[in-house]
Amino acid sequence: MLYLVVVFMVLTGLAHSYLGERYILVRLFKRDALPKVLGSTAFTAGTLRFAWHLTTLAWWCLAYLVLIVAQGTFTESHALRAIGISAVVSAFFPLYFTRGKHLSWVVFAVVGALLLVAASER
């Protein structure tokens, strides 16, 4: 049953990113009323886009955790490593979508690095 949950979680993430990009974000960004943050709508659009896709990444991380529970190999180290990798990957989203202007990438990178160090010490 847990393997089925993993499949649904991965598919939910894919659907969320694809359908959200195609039917929500693209249409939203065509509107004239998008707020200008840091002087343009580009930062606003980039922030909305990376925040949207972080949801998919979070679901995939959770799917991985469910998978290792299903396999009977779940350990504290696995959990810390999975969350750490997700945080490090999350750092690339604001770096790419806002060209580093949204400073959440710094926090994601630090949190990810600290979690990976903690996982290696377990």
Foldseek 3Di string as FASTA:
>chain_A
DLLVVLVVLLVVLVCQLVCCVVPPLVVVVVDPPQDQDPHHSQQVSLVVNLVSNLVSLVSNLVSVQSVCVVVVNDDPLSNLLSQLVSLQVSLVSCCPSVVCPPVVSVVSNVSSVVSNVVSVVD
